[in-house]
Structure formats: C-alpha cells, structure tokens
Amino acid sequence: MGEPQAIRLEALFLKNYEAVRMFPSIMFIGPGYDRYELEGRKQWGKWTRWGRAEYPASTWKDFLLSNVIWSKDVIGTQLSQEDFELVKRLTISPNRTPRDDDHFLIHGNCGLKNVLFEGSNLACVINPWPVYGPPIHDLVSAFCSTPDSLNWNTIRFVANHLLRSLEDQLLIEEVIIGLYQRISTCIEYHPEDLSTYLEAWFYWVNKYNSL
C-alpha cells in the first residue's frame, strides 16, 4: 500500500475513534486527503463494506476466504490439504456471517508489534490498517500475533472481558482461521517461530476435533 493511501486510511480510522484515548491523535492531515471518506464515521454498526478499507469485499466470508487461499499458497506443505479444507469449511460456514450490530471499522493490524506499553501498562495501539468487520477479528489477530501463550485459557479469559457472550465452539473456529493465516505470515517474516506455531496449530485442531 502506497504512503498516501496508508495515511488516508489511517486517518479514516483515527478520526472515527478520535474519542478513544488508546489511539494516537491526528495532528495534521495534508491537503491531498480525501475527506469524503469520513462522512460515515459516526454510523456505528451501519457500514456497508466488508474487509480491507482500500479494497473491500462484498461479504465478510469473501474477505476471509481470499486471505485463507492466499495463505495456503505460502504455507505449502507445512500443513496438509486436510488442514486447508478444515479452515475453508470454517470460513464459509454460516458462523462467519456477522450480525448487523457486529459490523465496525476495526484496527485490522492489531498485532503485538503495534501495541505500546509504559512499564506494564498498555499505553497506545498504533499503525491501523482498517478493516470493515467484527471485533473478534482484531482480538484473534492480536492473540495469534505472538507464539507465546497460544492456549485456550488465554483467549477465553480475554474474550470474556472484551466481547459479549461467545460460545466456545465459535471462539475455537475463529482462532483456527486466524492461526492458519498467521502461520503464513510467520513463514514469510519470522520463520524461526514456525515450529512453535505448528505446535499451536495441532493443539487447536485437536481442541476443535474434541468438541
């Protein structure tokens, strides 16, 4: 994504959540910024787009499926065709059809590298790459962004605090979809973590199969 486009989309997100102190404040936007993008910023839960803000998809499933198929090409033989078919089946499941009140402009790049701390306290979340979708997507992305503590107790504890009631099966499905995509990122950018991510993959697949 080019720098002007990145700035425009980051400004879109930050203006939409300018009352949230955990995000940076906008100090200046150059004259080339397309302000019409901000017209819908107060329409909470009423977005008509899905997926990446710069190239939205027609449905949330379409967005997820395109990411999963791309991830498969990167993962290659590190995971099996059966693993891909599982993720694909979960991706096109009716469970991946968000409710109208679960449709927001979310961060879209909510990994640990974009979370800043002051001591042990969360200070700021930076570098949004906006996505139109459900908040669970950001939560799972953050959870999978590090190979540490990729276990059930961690994600269930956080989900209980950040999301309204979410069944265990739905949460497990979301983690499997997110983890599959994260493994492809790991292969491309930090392959030294691959063995840990693969251990986590089999842990979560076994958990799903035991439902």
Protein backbone atom coordinates (compact mmCIF):
# COMPACT_ATOMS: atom_id res chain seq x y z
CA MET A 1 0.00 0.00 0.00
CA GLY A 2 1.47 3.37 -1.03
CA GLU A 3 2.23 6.01 1.58
CA PRO A 4 -0.60 8.45 0.60
CA GLN A 5 -3.13 5.61 0.69
CA ALA A 6 -1.78 4.38 4.02
CA ILE A 7 -2.06 7.87 5.54
CA ARG A 8 -5.59 8.32 4.20
CA LEU A 9 -6.79 5.03 5.67
CA GLU A 10 -5.03 5.53 8.99
CA ALA A 11 -6.67 8.95 9.26
CA LEU A 12 -10.04 7.38 8.47
CA PHE A 13 -9.66 5.01 11.39
CA LEU A 14 -8.26 7.56 13.85
CA LYS A 15 -10.95 10.13 13.06
CA ASN A 16 -13.63 7.51 13.55
CA TYR A 17 -12.25 6.72 17.02
CA GLU A 18 -10.86 10.11 17.99
CA ALA A 19 -12.57 9.87 21.40
CA VAL A 20 -10.66 6.70 22.25
CA ARG A 21 -7.56 7.75 24.17
CA MET A 22 -5.76 4.46 23.44
CA PHE A 23 -5.27 5.53 19.80
CA PRO A 24 -2.97 8.33 18.60
CA SER A 25 -4.40 11.79 17.96
CA ILE A 26 -4.24 13.30 14.48
CA MET A 27 -2.14 16.46 14.48
CA PHE A 28 -2.29 17.31 10.76
CA ILE A 29 -3.68 15.89 7.51
CA GLY A 30 -2.27 17.21 4.25
CA PRO A 31 -4.46 18.82 1.56
CA GLY A 32 -4.47 15.67 -0.56
CA TYR A 33 -6.55 13.79 1.99
CA ASP A 34 -10.00 12.72 0.75
CA ARG A 35 -12.29 13.98 3.48
CA TYR A 36 -15.38 12.37 1.97
CA GLU A 37 -14.15 9.09 3.44
CA LEU A 38 -15.03 10.44 6.89
CA GLU A 39 -18.69 11.12 6.18
CA GLY A 40 -19.83 7.76 7.54
CA ARG A 41 -17.60 7.71 10.59
CA LYS A 42 -20.46 8.07 13.09
CA GLN A 43 -22.59 5.34 11.54
CA TRP A 44 -21.66 2.74 14.15
CA GLY A 45 -22.72 -0.73 13.04
CA LYS A 46 -24.06 0.60 9.72
CA TRP A 47 -21.09 0.16 7.40
CA THR A 48 -21.99 -1.33 4.03
CA ARG A 49 -18.49 -2.63 3.22
CA TRP A 50 -16.53 -5.67 4.39
CA GLY A 51 -12.82 -6.39 4.52
CA ARG A 52 -9.89 -4.10 3.82
CA ALA A 53 -10.93 -0.47 3.55
CA GLU A 54 -8.83 0.08 0.42
CA TYR A 55 -10.28 -2.88 -1.48
CA PRO A 56 -13.48 -4.01 0.27
CA ALA A 57 -15.21 -7.32 -0.41
CA SER A 58 -18.91 -7.90 -0.90
CA THR A 59 -19.17 -10.13 2.20
CA TRP A 60 -17.10 -10.95 5.27
CA LYS A 61 -16.80 -14.55 4.09
CA ASP A 62 -15.36 -13.41 0.75
CA PHE A 63 -12.73 -11.36 2.55
CA LEU A 64 -11.73 -14.23 4.84
CA LEU A 65 -11.70 -16.80 2.06
CA SER A 66 -9.40 -14.71 -0.12
CA ASN A 67 -6.97 -14.43 2.80
CA VAL A 68 -7.14 -18.16 3.51
CA ILE A 69 -6.48 -19.10 -0.13
CA TRP A 70 -3.52 -16.74 -0.27
CA SER A 71 -2.21 -18.23 2.99
CA LYS A 72 -2.42 -21.74 1.55
CA ASP A 73 -0.04 -20.80 -1.26
CA VAL A 74 2.50 -19.52 1.26
CA ILE A 75 2.12 -22.42 3.70
CA GLY A 76 2.66 -25.03 1.02
CA THR A 77 3.43 -28.42 2.53
CA GLN A 78 3.95 -27.16 6.08
CA LEU A 79 0.29 -28.04 6.67
CA SER A 80 -1.83 -30.63 4.88
CA GLN A 81 -4.62 -30.32 2.36
CA GLU A 82 -6.90 -31.61 5.10
CA ASP A 83 -5.88 -28.65 7.27
CA PHE A 84 -6.73 -26.25 4.45
CA GLU A 85 -10.10 -27.94 3.88
CA LEU A 86 -10.90 -27.54 7.57
CA VAL A 87 -10.10 -23.83 7.50
CA LYS A 88 -12.01 -23.34 4.27
CA ARG A 89 -15.05 -25.15 5.70
CA LEU A 90 -14.99 -22.96 8.81
CA THR A 91 -14.52 -19.83 6.71
CA ILE A 92 -17.61 -20.39 4.55
CA SER A 93 -19.70 -21.65 7.48
CA PRO A 94 -22.86 -19.71 8.43
CA ASN A 95 -20.99 -18.94 11.66
CA ARG A 96 -18.88 -16.47 9.67
CA THR A 97 -21.89 -14.29 8.87
CA PRO A 98 -21.65 -11.41 11.36
CA ARG A 99 -24.76 -9.81 12.80
CA ASP A 100 -25.63 -6.29 11.68
CA ASP A 101 -24.70 -4.99 15.13
CA ASP A 102 -21.27 -6.67 14.88
CA HIS A 103 -20.09 -4.65 11.86
CA PHE A 104 -17.49 -1.99 12.63
CA LEU A 105 -14.43 -0.26 11.30
CA ILE A 106 -11.74 -2.23 13.16
CA HIS A 107 -7.98 -1.78 13.53
CA GLY A 108 -7.04 -4.58 11.13
CA ASN A 109 -3.37 -4.66 12.14
CA CYS A 110 -3.70 -5.39 15.82
CA GLY A 111 -0.52 -7.36 16.44
CA LEU A 112 1.76 -7.18 19.44
CA LYS A 113 4.29 -5.12 17.46
CA ASN A 114 1.71 -2.32 17.26
CA VAL A 115 0.89 -2.28 20.96
CA LEU A 116 2.96 0.11 23.08
CA PHE A 117 3.43 -0.19 26.84
CA GLU A 118 4.60 2.11 29.61
CA GLY A 119 6.02 -0.31 32.10
CA SER A 120 3.34 -2.99 32.47
CA ASN A 121 0.51 -0.69 31.38
CA LEU A 122 -0.99 -0.52 27.90
CA ALA A 123 -0.23 2.93 26.52
CA CYS A 124 -1.23 3.04 22.86
CA VAL A 125 -2.19 0.97 19.81
CA ILE A 126 -0.64 2.27 16.59
CA ASN A 127 -0.48 1.61 12.83
CA PRO A 128 -4.08 0.71 11.95
CA TRP A 129 -4.74 -0.94 8.59
CA PRO A 130 -8.53 -0.56 8.70
CA VAL A 131 -10.94 -3.40 8.08
CA TYR A 132 -14.74 -3.38 8.00
CA GLY A 133 -15.72 -6.37 10.12
CA PRO A 134 -16.47 -7.85 13.56
CA PRO A 135 -14.25 -7.04 16.58
CA ILE A 136 -13.43 -10.73 17.11
CA HIS A 137 -11.14 -10.40 14.08
CA ASP A 138 -8.91 -7.90 15.90
CA LEU A 139 -8.90 -9.99 19.07
CA VAL A 140 -7.83 -13.16 17.26
CA SER A 141 -5.22 -11.26 15.24
CA ALA A 142 -3.68 -9.91 18.44
CA PHE A 143 -3.80 -13.34 20.09
CA CYS A 144 -2.08 -15.04 17.16
CA SER A 145 0.50 -12.30 16.58
CA THR A 146 2.95 -13.86 19.02
CA PRO A 147 3.75 -17.55 19.53
CA ASP A 148 3.58 -17.10 23.29
CA SER A 149 0.60 -18.40 25.30
CA LEU A 150 -1.43 -19.60 22.31
CA ASN A 151 -3.69 -21.62 24.57
CA TRP A 152 -7.36 -21.83 25.42
CA ASN A 153 -7.20 -20.23 28.86
CA THR A 154 -5.56 -17.09 27.48
CA ILE A 155 -8.04 -16.38 24.68
CA ARG A 156 -11.09 -17.41 26.69
CA PHE A 157 -10.13 -15.09 29.55
CA VAL A 158 -9.67 -12.12 27.23
CA ALA A 159 -12.80 -12.87 25.19
CA ASN A 160 -14.86 -12.98 28.38
CA HIS A 161 -13.76 -9.44 29.18
CA LEU A 162 -13.87 -7.84 25.73
CA LEU A 163 -16.73 -9.50 23.88
CA ARG A 164 -20.31 -10.26 24.71
CA SER A 165 -21.18 -13.91 25.20
CA LEU A 166 -19.37 -16.04 22.63
CA GLU A 167 -19.78 -19.81 22.53
CA ASP A 168 -16.64 -21.88 22.95
CA GLN A 169 -17.04 -23.51 19.54
CA LEU A 170 -17.27 -20.17 17.73
CA LEU A 171 -14.19 -18.88 19.52
CA ILE A 172 -12.20 -22.01 18.64
CA GLU A 173 -13.25 -21.72 15.00
CA GLU A 174 -12.16 -18.08 14.85
CA VAL A 175 -8.76 -18.95 16.33
CA ILE A 176 -8.20 -21.75 13.80
CA ILE A 177 -8.95 -19.40 10.89
CA GLY A 178 -6.75 -16.66 12.31
CA LEU A 179 -3.91 -19.01 13.22
CA TYR A 180 -3.81 -20.50 9.73
CA GLN A 181 -3.32 -17.04 8.28
CA ARG A 182 -0.75 -16.17 10.92
CA ILE A 183 1.33 -19.24 10.06
CA SER A 184 1.70 -17.93 6.51
CA THR A 185 2.91 -14.59 7.89
CA CYS A 186 5.33 -16.43 10.14
CA ILE A 187 6.79 -18.34 7.20
CA GLU A 188 7.38 -15.11 5.28
CA TYR A 189 8.68 -12.84 8.02
CA HIS A 190 9.86 -14.80 11.08
CA PRO A 191 10.37 -18.46 10.17
CA GLU A 192 12.29 -19.03 13.41
CA ASP A 193 8.90 -19.17 15.17
CA LEU A 194 7.37 -21.72 12.79
CA SER A 195 7.84 -24.79 14.98
CA THR A 196 6.05 -23.09 17.88
CA TYR A 197 3.18 -22.02 15.64
CA LEU A 198 2.84 -25.53 14.23
CA GLU A 199 2.63 -26.93 17.76
CA ALA A 200 -0.12 -24.41 18.46
CA TRP A 201 -1.89 -25.39 15.24
CA PHE A 202 -2.15 -29.05 16.20
CA TYR A 203 -3.23 -28.06 19.72
CA TRP A 204 -6.14 -26.02 18.33
CA VAL A 205 -7.14 -28.58 15.70
CA ASN A 206 -7.26 -31.26 18.39
CA LYS A 207 -9.36 -28.95 20.54
CA TYR A 208 -11.78 -28.41 17.67
CA ASN A 209 -11.98 -32.15 16.92
CA SER A 210 -12.82 -32.85 20.56
CA LEU A 211 -15.90 -30.63 20.53
